[in-house]
Amino acid sequence: MKFHIVIQKVRDNLYLASCPNLKGCHVQAASQAEAKRLIRVAIQALIKSYQQHHEKVDIR
């Protein structure tokens, strides 16, 4: 499954990343590369949680 991610630079050493397709999937990091890595981890964790709870993944 592929998801769209958005990374925004807020200020020096602060980046926010989110996955608009998944409700509540947001991270912050000190670099763009770290934000990209963390949002991927967050997406995987969120999907795994849905699966473990036998819930349908809430994709917008």
Protein backbone atom coordinates (compact mmCIF):
# COMPACT_ATOMS: atom_id res chain seq x y z
CA MET A 1 0.00 0.00 0.00
CA LYS A 2 1.28 3.47 -0.83
CA PHE A 3 0.46 6.57 1.17
CA HIS A 4 0.99 10.23 0.42
CA ILE A 5 3.15 12.04 2.97
CA VAL A 6 3.59 15.76 3.51
CA ILE A 7 6.72 17.23 5.09
CA GLN A 8 6.84 20.88 6.10
CA LYS A 9 9.76 22.88 7.43
CA VAL A 10 8.50 24.93 10.37
CA ARG A 11 11.84 26.51 11.25
CA ASP A 12 15.48 25.49 11.45
CA ASN A 13 15.71 22.02 12.94
CA LEU A 14 11.94 21.47 13.05
CA TYR A 15 10.06 19.51 10.41
CA LEU A 16 6.52 18.22 10.63
CA ALA A 17 5.42 15.21 8.61
CA SER A 18 1.96 13.79 8.21
CA CYS A 19 0.03 11.24 6.21
CA PRO A 20 -3.22 12.92 5.12
CA ASN A 21 -4.73 9.51 4.32
CA LEU A 22 -4.49 8.30 7.93
CA LYS A 23 -6.25 10.19 10.70
CA GLY A 24 -3.86 11.30 13.45
CA CYS A 25 -0.66 10.20 11.73
CA HIS A 26 1.83 13.01 12.41
CA VAL A 27 5.46 13.27 13.55
CA GLN A 28 8.06 15.96 14.16
CA ALA A 29 11.81 15.76 13.66
CA ALA A 30 15.00 17.81 13.49
CA SER A 31 15.65 17.07 9.81
CA GLN A 32 13.70 16.31 6.67
CA ALA A 33 15.30 12.88 6.37
CA GLU A 34 14.42 12.02 9.97
CA ALA A 35 10.84 13.24 9.46
CA LYS A 36 10.52 11.00 6.40
CA ARG A 37 11.87 8.00 8.32
CA LEU A 38 9.64 8.63 11.34
CA ILE A 39 6.44 9.09 9.33
CA ARG A 40 7.08 5.75 7.62
CA VAL A 41 7.53 4.12 11.04
CA ALA A 42 4.35 5.81 12.29
CA ILE A 43 2.35 4.59 9.27
CA GLN A 44 3.56 1.02 9.79
CA ALA A 45 2.77 1.16 13.52
CA LEU A 46 -0.71 2.56 12.94
CA ILE A 47 -1.57 -0.10 10.36
CA LYS A 48 -0.20 -2.83 12.63
CA SER A 49 -2.34 -1.54 15.50
CA TYR A 50 -5.47 -1.62 13.35
CA GLN A 51 -4.66 -5.18 12.29
CA GLN A 52 -3.97 -6.36 15.85
CA HIS A 53 -7.31 -4.97 16.98
CA HIS A 54 -9.07 -6.53 13.96
CA GLU A 55 -10.21 -3.10 12.82
CA LYS A 56 -10.49 -1.75 9.31
CA VAL A 57 -7.72 0.72 8.44
CA ASP A 58 -9.32 4.17 8.44
CA ILE A 59 -8.10 5.55 5.09
CA ARG A 60 -9.45 8.90 4.01
